[in-house]
């Protein structure tokens, strides 16, 4: 393991989705990445079929 101290200065959010089959979890994830990409060019849009 690395002995370097981990830099915790970046803001982050963990999001979990729970739902039954065909209840829109993948669609929601694709929509979230699209909105995030508009605000931060470093974030790549994830297409529905690539999730």
Protein backbone atom coordinates (compact mmCIF):
# COMPACT_ATOMS: atom_id res chain seq x y z
CA UNK A 1 0.00 0.00 0.00
CA UNK A 2 1.05 3.56 -0.62
CA UNK A 3 2.33 5.57 2.32
CA UNK A 4 1.08 8.85 0.80
CA UNK A 5 -1.73 10.63 2.58
CA UNK A 6 -5.03 10.51 0.66
CA UNK A 7 -6.21 13.95 -0.52
CA UNK A 8 -9.81 14.36 0.65
CA UNK A 9 -10.28 17.90 -0.68
CA UNK A 10 -12.55 16.88 -3.58
CA UNK A 11 -16.27 16.99 -2.88
CA UNK A 12 -18.00 13.69 -3.54
CA UNK A 13 -21.39 12.08 -3.23
CA UNK A 14 -22.23 8.39 -3.19
CA UNK A 15 -25.62 7.59 -4.66
CA UNK A 16 -27.32 4.21 -4.44
CA UNK A 17 -30.38 3.13 -6.38
CA UNK A 18 -32.70 0.34 -5.38
CA UNK A 19 -35.58 -0.82 -7.51
CA UNK A 20 -37.20 -3.72 -9.27
CA UNK A 21 -36.44 -4.71 -12.85
CA UNK A 22 -37.60 -2.13 -15.44
CA UNK A 23 -38.27 0.61 -12.90
CA UNK A 24 -35.90 3.17 -14.46
CA UNK A 25 -32.64 2.77 -12.52
CA UNK A 26 -30.48 2.82 -15.65
CA UNK A 27 -32.47 5.68 -17.17
CA UNK A 28 -32.00 7.69 -13.97
CA UNK A 29 -28.25 7.02 -13.98
CA UNK A 30 -27.96 8.14 -17.62
CA UNK A 31 -29.93 11.32 -16.86
CA UNK A 32 -27.77 12.12 -13.82
CA UNK A 33 -24.53 11.76 -15.80
CA UNK A 34 -25.94 13.99 -18.56
CA UNK A 35 -26.80 16.76 -16.09
CA UNK A 36 -23.43 16.46 -14.34
CA UNK A 37 -21.58 16.65 -17.67
CA UNK A 38 -23.26 19.99 -18.43
CA UNK A 39 -21.83 21.45 -15.21
CA UNK A 40 -18.40 19.80 -15.35
CA UNK A 41 -16.69 19.13 -18.70
CA UNK A 42 -14.42 16.50 -17.06
CA UNK A 43 -17.42 14.22 -16.53
CA UNK A 44 -18.36 12.00 -19.47
CA UNK A 45 -21.97 11.40 -20.42
CA UNK A 46 -22.91 7.73 -20.04
CA UNK A 47 -25.35 6.53 -22.66
CA UNK A 48 -28.26 4.37 -21.56
CA UNK A 49 -26.91 1.30 -23.35
CA UNK A 50 -23.39 1.66 -21.88
CA UNK A 51 -24.49 1.46 -18.25
